[in-house]
Amino acid sequence: MMLGDVLAAAQRSGADIETWLKPADPDLWQTLNAQAAAGREDAVTFARAAIADFSNRAGEEDWAMLVSRMRDADDPGRALLITMMGWRLGIIRKETSGANEEMTP
């Protein structure tokens, strides 16, 4: 399967995200649930947005990291989604902390 096929499949699916993400990365699952509880996105919406954001905004180093993780993983699709969701959480944290710093007198 080509990278484009994995990306397209990840964007189409997601309803069963809890069944594989919770055991694969409990911290990421907990963070996504906290986001949902705060009125942000549920895990499926977050995963789809992470794919779109990564595809549109990630730099060369981010793509190199993603390809390396997929190459070394038993499940490249899972590695792709976990990497992209973690990347998006990092971006959100940076944007949030930057906004908070700007508001601080």
Foldseek 3Di string as FASTA:
>chain_A
DDPVVLLVVLLVDDPCVCVPCCVVPVVLQVVQVVCVVVVHDHPSVLLNVLSVCCVPPPDPVLVVVLVVQLVPDPHSSVSNSVSSSVVVVVVVVVVVVVVVVVPDD
